[in-house]
């Protein structure tokens, strides 16, 4: 990970990654299901929006390096299941950003590029 982007410094070490821990998720969703029960089918996708509060921030050493991983703990609060149309755009942008970070680039094979 020596080429990793430095997020910040902590205790004299470079923080180069994050790993989120979310607690209390079942409570928020169970409360939502009590007021708005849903018909779930195996294999279907559902989209959850969840309010969270940062309750703790920890740091872990990254194996075989002198760098750290930041681990914020988020406590879930109110949660609800939403229609895919509400989150489709932000999820598509996130998938693209993740792919690009992995070095996977999307090719414009339709000729719709503004680069002409």
N, C-alpha and C. Protein backbone atom coordinates (compact mmCIF):
# COMPACT_ATOMS: atom_id res chain seq x y z
N UNK A 1 0.81 -1.20 0.00
CA UNK A 1 0.00 0.00 0.00
C UNK A 1 0.85 1.26 0.00
N UNK A 2 2.10 1.16 -0.32
CA UNK A 2 2.97 2.32 -0.25
C UNK A 2 2.58 3.41 -1.23
N UNK A 3 1.86 3.08 -2.31
CA UNK A 3 1.41 4.07 -3.28
C UNK A 3 0.02 4.59 -2.97
N UNK A 4 -0.55 4.20 -1.84
CA UNK A 4 -1.92 4.59 -1.50
C UNK A 4 -1.99 6.07 -1.20
N UNK A 5 -3.14 6.65 -1.52
CA UNK A 5 -3.38 8.06 -1.24
C UNK A 5 -3.50 8.26 0.27
N UNK A 6 -2.81 9.25 0.79
CA UNK A 6 -2.84 9.55 2.21
C UNK A 6 -4.09 10.38 2.50
N UNK A 7 -4.96 9.86 3.39
CA UNK A 7 -6.18 10.55 3.77
C UNK A 7 -5.88 11.62 4.80
N UNK A 8 -5.06 11.26 5.79
CA UNK A 8 -4.64 12.18 6.83
C UNK A 8 -3.54 11.52 7.65
N UNK A 9 -3.02 12.23 8.63
CA UNK A 9 -2.02 11.71 9.55
C UNK A 9 -2.69 11.46 10.90
N UNK A 10 -2.27 10.40 11.59
CA UNK A 10 -2.74 10.15 12.94
C UNK A 10 -1.59 9.53 13.73
N UNK A 11 -1.23 10.14 14.80
CA UNK A 11 -0.16 9.63 15.65
C UNK A 11 1.15 9.45 14.91
N UNK A 12 1.41 10.31 13.93
CA UNK A 12 2.64 10.24 13.17
C UNK A 12 2.62 9.23 12.03
N UNK A 13 1.51 8.55 11.83
CA UNK A 13 1.41 7.55 10.76
C UNK A 13 0.43 8.03 9.69
N UNK A 14 0.63 7.55 8.46
CA UNK A 14 -0.28 7.87 7.37
C UNK A 14 -1.54 7.01 7.46
N UNK A 15 -2.69 7.65 7.38
CA UNK A 15 -3.96 6.93 7.29
C UNK A 15 -4.28 6.85 5.80
N UNK A 16 -4.37 5.62 5.26
CA UNK A 16 -4.51 5.44 3.82
C UNK A 16 -5.79 4.71 3.40
N UNK A 17 -6.60 4.30 4.37
CA UNK A 17 -7.87 3.66 4.01
C UNK A 17 -8.87 3.81 5.15
N UNK A 18 -10.10 3.52 4.83
CA UNK A 18 -11.17 3.55 5.83
C UNK A 18 -12.00 2.29 5.71
N UNK A 19 -12.55 1.87 6.83
CA UNK A 19 -13.45 0.73 6.88
C UNK A 19 -14.54 1.08 7.87
N UNK A 20 -15.76 1.22 7.40
CA UNK A 20 -16.87 1.64 8.24
C UNK A 20 -17.45 0.46 9.00
N UNK A 21 -17.78 0.69 10.26
CA UNK A 21 -18.50 -0.28 11.07
C UNK A 21 -19.84 0.36 11.43
N UNK A 22 -20.96 -0.33 11.15
CA UNK A 22 -22.28 0.19 11.46
C UNK A 22 -22.94 -0.71 12.50
N UNK A 23 -23.38 -0.11 13.60
CA UNK A 23 -24.04 -0.87 14.66
C UNK A 23 -25.51 -0.47 14.72
N UNK A 24 -26.32 -1.28 15.38
CA UNK A 24 -27.73 -0.97 15.64
C UNK A 24 -28.60 -1.00 14.38
N UNK A 25 -28.11 -1.58 13.29
CA UNK A 25 -28.87 -1.54 12.04
C UNK A 25 -30.19 -2.28 12.13
N UNK A 26 -30.22 -3.38 12.81
CA UNK A 26 -31.45 -4.16 12.91
C UNK A 26 -32.56 -3.41 13.60
N UNK A 27 -32.22 -2.62 14.62
CA UNK A 27 -33.24 -1.87 15.35
C UNK A 27 -33.94 -0.85 14.46
N UNK A 28 -33.17 -0.07 13.72
CA UNK A 28 -33.75 0.94 12.84
C UNK A 28 -34.64 0.33 11.77
N UNK A 29 -34.19 -0.76 11.18
CA UNK A 29 -34.99 -1.41 10.14
C UNK A 29 -36.20 -2.12 10.72
N UNK A 30 -36.04 -2.73 11.87
CA UNK A 30 -37.19 -3.39 12.50
C UNK A 30 -38.28 -2.39 12.84
N UNK A 31 -37.89 -1.22 13.32
CA UNK A 31 -38.88 -0.18 13.60
C UNK A 31 -39.59 0.26 12.32
N UNK A 32 -38.85 0.36 11.24
CA UNK A 32 -39.45 0.73 9.95
C UNK A 32 -40.45 -0.33 9.49
N UNK A 33 -40.12 -1.59 9.69
CA UNK A 33 -40.99 -2.68 9.25
C UNK A 33 -42.28 -2.74 10.08
N UNK A 34 -42.21 -2.26 11.32
CA UNK A 34 -43.41 -2.24 12.15
C UNK A 34 -44.45 -1.27 11.61
N UNK A 35 -44.01 -0.13 11.07
CA UNK A 35 -44.96 0.87 10.56
C UNK A 35 -45.22 0.74 9.07
N UNK A 36 -44.31 0.05 8.35
CA UNK A 36 -44.47 -0.11 6.90
C UNK A 36 -44.01 -1.51 6.48
N UNK A 37 -44.80 -2.56 6.81
CA UNK A 37 -44.39 -3.92 6.45
C UNK A 37 -44.27 -4.07 4.93
N UNK A 38 -43.36 -4.92 4.52
CA UNK A 38 -43.08 -5.11 3.10
C UNK A 38 -43.19 -6.59 2.74
N UNK A 39 -43.43 -6.87 1.47
CA UNK A 39 -43.42 -8.23 0.96
C UNK A 39 -42.06 -8.46 0.31
N UNK A 40 -41.20 -9.25 0.97
CA UNK A 40 -39.86 -9.52 0.46
C UNK A 40 -39.84 -10.82 -0.34
N UNK A 41 -39.06 -10.83 -1.41
CA UNK A 41 -38.87 -12.03 -2.22
C UNK A 41 -37.38 -12.33 -2.27
N UNK A 42 -37.04 -13.60 -2.18
CA UNK A 42 -35.63 -14.00 -2.24
C UNK A 42 -35.03 -13.55 -3.57
N UNK A 43 -33.88 -12.94 -3.49
CA UNK A 43 -33.14 -12.52 -4.67
C UNK A 43 -33.44 -11.11 -5.15
N UNK A 44 -34.48 -10.47 -4.62
CA UNK A 44 -34.78 -9.11 -5.08
C UNK A 44 -33.85 -8.12 -4.39
N UNK A 45 -33.61 -7.01 -5.07
CA UNK A 45 -32.80 -5.95 -4.48
C UNK A 45 -33.71 -4.97 -3.77
N UNK A 46 -33.25 -4.52 -2.62
CA UNK A 46 -33.93 -3.48 -1.86
C UNK A 46 -32.92 -2.39 -1.54
N UNK A 47 -33.40 -1.18 -1.36
CA UNK A 47 -32.54 -0.03 -1.12
C UNK A 47 -32.93 0.58 0.22
N UNK A 48 -31.93 0.75 1.08
CA UNK A 48 -32.16 1.23 2.44
C UNK A 48 -31.46 2.57 2.63
N UNK A 49 -32.20 3.52 3.17
CA UNK A 49 -31.63 4.80 3.57
C UNK A 49 -31.62 4.80 5.09
N UNK A 50 -30.47 5.18 5.66
CA UNK A 50 -30.31 5.06 7.10
C UNK A 50 -29.63 6.31 7.67
N UNK A 51 -30.21 6.84 8.73
CA UNK A 51 -29.59 7.93 9.47
C UNK A 51 -28.59 7.31 10.45
N UNK A 52 -27.41 7.89 10.53
CA UNK A 52 -26.39 7.36 11.45
C UNK A 52 -25.73 8.50 12.22
N UNK A 53 -25.12 8.12 13.35
CA UNK A 53 -24.33 9.05 14.16
C UNK A 53 -22.97 8.42 14.38
N UNK A 54 -21.91 9.18 14.17
CA UNK A 54 -20.56 8.68 14.43
C UNK A 54 -20.37 8.61 15.94
N UNK A 55 -20.11 7.40 16.45
CA UNK A 55 -19.97 7.22 17.90
C UNK A 55 -18.53 6.97 18.34
N UNK A 56 -17.67 6.60 17.39
CA UNK A 56 -16.29 6.28 17.75
C UNK A 56 -15.46 6.29 16.48
N UNK A 57 -14.19 6.65 16.60
CA UNK A 57 -13.25 6.53 15.48
C UNK A 57 -12.01 5.83 16.01
N UNK A 58 -11.69 4.70 15.40
CA UNK A 58 -10.52 3.93 15.78
C UNK A 58 -9.54 3.83 14.62
N UNK A 59 -8.35 3.35 14.92
CA UNK A 59 -7.32 3.18 13.90
C UNK A 59 -6.69 1.80 14.04
N UNK A 60 -6.50 1.13 12.91
CA UNK A 60 -5.89 -0.20 12.90
C UNK A 60 -4.64 -0.16 12.03
N UNK A 61 -3.63 -0.90 12.45
CA UNK A 61 -2.43 -1.03 11.63
C UNK A 61 -2.75 -1.89 10.41
N UNK A 62 -2.20 -1.51 9.28
CA UNK A 62 -2.34 -2.30 8.06
C UNK A 62 -1.18 -3.28 8.02
N UNK A 63 -1.49 -4.56 7.87
CA UNK A 63 -0.50 -5.62 7.91
C UNK A 63 0.67 -5.33 6.97
N UNK A 64 1.86 -5.59 7.46
CA UNK A 64 3.10 -5.45 6.70
C UNK A 64 3.34 -4.02 6.20
N UNK A 65 2.90 -3.03 6.97
CA UNK A 65 3.17 -1.63 6.59
C UNK A 65 3.24 -0.79 7.86
N UNK A 66 3.62 0.47 7.68
CA UNK A 66 3.61 1.40 8.80
C UNK A 66 2.45 2.38 8.65
N UNK A 67 1.43 1.96 7.92
CA UNK A 67 0.27 2.80 7.65
C UNK A 67 -0.94 2.32 8.46
N UNK A 68 -1.96 3.20 8.52
CA UNK A 68 -3.15 2.91 9.32
C UNK A 68 -4.42 2.92 8.48
N UNK A 69 -5.42 2.22 8.99
CA UNK A 69 -6.77 2.24 8.45
C UNK A 69 -7.65 2.90 9.51
N UNK A 70 -8.43 3.90 9.11
CA UNK A 70 -9.37 4.54 10.03
C UNK A 70 -10.67 3.73 10.03
N UNK A 71 -11.22 3.51 11.22
CA UNK A 71 -12.45 2.72 11.35
C UNK A 71 -13.49 3.52 12.16
N UNK A 72 -14.28 4.35 11.46
CA UNK A 72 -15.36 5.04 12.15
C UNK A 72 -16.49 4.05 12.46
N UNK A 73 -17.08 4.18 13.64
CA UNK A 73 -18.26 3.39 14.00
C UNK A 73 -19.47 4.30 13.91
N UNK A 74 -20.45 3.86 13.14
CA UNK A 74 -21.69 4.61 12.96
C UNK A 74 -22.82 3.85 13.66
N UNK A 75 -23.57 4.54 14.49
CA UNK A 75 -24.73 3.93 15.12
C UNK A 75 -25.96 4.29 14.29
N UNK A 76 -26.66 3.26 13.81
CA UNK A 76 -27.83 3.48 12.97
C UNK A 76 -28.98 4.02 13.79
N UNK A 77 -29.74 4.90 13.17
CA UNK A 77 -30.95 5.43 13.78
C UNK A 77 -32.13 5.06 12.91
N UNK A 78 -32.88 6.05 12.53
CA UNK A 78 -34.05 5.82 11.69
C UNK A 78 -33.61 5.29 10.33
N UNK A 79 -34.33 4.28 9.84
CA UNK A 79 -34.03 3.69 8.55
C UNK A 79 -35.32 3.42 7.80
N UNK A 80 -35.24 3.39 6.49
CA UNK A 80 -36.41 3.08 5.69
C UNK A 80 -35.98 2.46 4.36
N UNK A 81 -36.85 1.68 3.79
CA UNK A 81 -36.63 1.11 2.47
C UNK A 81 -37.22 2.08 1.46
N UNK A 82 -36.46 2.38 0.41
CA UNK A 82 -36.90 3.36 -0.59
C UNK A 82 -36.94 2.73 -1.97
N UNK A 83 -37.65 3.38 -2.87
CA UNK A 83 -37.72 2.96 -4.26
C UNK A 83 -36.36 3.14 -4.92
N UNK A 84 -36.03 2.24 -5.82
CA UNK A 84 -34.72 2.31 -6.48
C UNK A 84 -34.52 3.62 -7.24
N UNK A 85 -35.59 4.21 -7.76
CA UNK A 85 -35.46 5.46 -8.51
C UNK A 85 -34.88 6.59 -7.65
N UNK A 86 -35.13 6.53 -6.36
CA UNK A 86 -34.64 7.58 -5.45
C UNK A 86 -33.12 7.56 -5.32
N UNK A 87 -32.51 6.39 -5.43
CA UNK A 87 -31.07 6.26 -5.19
C UNK A 87 -30.28 5.79 -6.41
N UNK A 88 -30.95 5.53 -7.52
CA UNK A 88 -30.28 4.96 -8.69
C UNK A 88 -29.10 5.80 -9.17
N UNK A 89 -29.27 7.11 -9.27
CA UNK A 89 -28.20 7.98 -9.77
C UNK A 89 -26.98 7.98 -8.86
N UNK A 90 -27.20 8.13 -7.54
CA UNK A 90 -26.05 8.19 -6.63
C UNK A 90 -25.34 6.84 -6.56
N UNK A 91 -26.09 5.74 -6.64
CA UNK A 91 -25.45 4.42 -6.64
C UNK A 91 -24.67 4.18 -7.92
N UNK A 92 -25.20 4.62 -9.05
CA UNK A 92 -24.48 4.48 -10.33
C UNK A 92 -23.17 5.27 -10.31
N UNK A 93 -23.22 6.49 -9.77
CA UNK A 93 -22.00 7.30 -9.66
C UNK A 93 -20.98 6.63 -8.74
N UNK A 94 -21.46 6.04 -7.64
CA UNK A 94 -20.55 5.38 -6.70
C UNK A 94 -19.93 4.14 -7.34
N UNK A 95 -20.74 3.34 -8.06
CA UNK A 95 -20.18 2.16 -8.75
C UNK A 95 -19.10 2.57 -9.73
N UNK A 96 -19.35 3.65 -10.47
CA UNK A 96 -18.36 4.14 -11.45
C UNK A 96 -17.08 4.59 -10.74
N UNK A 97 -17.23 5.32 -9.63
CA UNK A 97 -16.05 5.79 -8.88
C UNK A 97 -15.25 4.61 -8.33
N UNK A 98 -15.94 3.58 -7.85
CA UNK A 98 -15.26 2.38 -7.33
C UNK A 98 -14.51 1.68 -8.46
N UNK A 99 -15.17 1.51 -9.60
CA UNK A 99 -14.52 0.88 -10.76
C UNK A 99 -13.29 1.66 -11.20
N UNK A 100 -13.41 2.98 -11.27
CA UNK A 100 -12.28 3.81 -11.68
C UNK A 100 -11.13 3.71 -10.69
N UNK A 101 -11.45 3.64 -9.39
CA UNK A 101 -10.40 3.50 -8.37
C UNK A 101 -9.67 2.17 -8.52
N UNK A 102 -10.37 1.16 -9.04
CA UNK A 102 -9.76 -0.14 -9.29
C UNK A 102 -9.03 -0.18 -10.63
N UNK A 103 -9.10 0.93 -11.39
CA UNK A 103 -8.45 0.98 -12.69
C UNK A 103 -9.32 0.48 -13.83
N UNK A 104 -10.59 0.26 -13.57
CA UNK A 104 -11.52 -0.17 -14.61
C UNK A 104 -12.16 1.06 -15.22
N UNK A 105 -11.97 1.24 -16.52
CA UNK A 105 -12.52 2.42 -17.19
C UNK A 105 -13.67 2.01 -18.10
N UNK A 106 -14.68 2.86 -18.15
CA UNK A 106 -15.83 2.61 -19.01
C UNK A 106 -15.54 3.17 -20.39
N UNK A 107 -15.71 2.35 -21.42
CA UNK A 107 -15.49 2.79 -22.79
C UNK A 107 -16.80 3.26 -23.40
N UNK A 108 -16.74 4.35 -24.15
CA UNK A 108 -17.92 4.86 -24.86
C UNK A 108 -17.97 4.18 -26.21
N UNK A 109 -18.77 3.13 -26.32
CA UNK A 109 -18.88 2.38 -27.56
C UNK A 109 -20.05 2.84 -28.42
N UNK A 110 -20.83 3.79 -27.91
CA UNK A 110 -21.99 4.28 -28.65
C UNK A 110 -21.68 5.52 -29.46
N UNK A 111 -20.49 6.09 -29.29
CA UNK A 111 -20.14 7.30 -30.02
C UNK A 111 -20.80 8.54 -29.44
N UNK A 112 -21.27 8.47 -28.21
CA UNK A 112 -21.94 9.61 -27.58
C UNK A 112 -20.97 10.54 -26.86
N UNK A 113 -19.71 10.31 -27.00
CA UNK A 113 -18.72 11.09 -26.28
C UNK A 113 -18.66 12.53 -26.78
N UNK A 114 -18.44 13.46 -25.88
CA UNK A 114 -18.26 14.86 -26.25
C UNK A 114 -16.83 15.17 -26.65
N UNK A 115 -15.98 14.14 -26.71
CA UNK A 115 -14.56 14.33 -26.99
C UNK A 115 -14.25 14.39 -28.47
N UNK A 116 -15.24 14.44 -29.33
CA UNK A 116 -14.99 14.39 -30.78
C UNK A 116 -14.48 15.69 -31.30
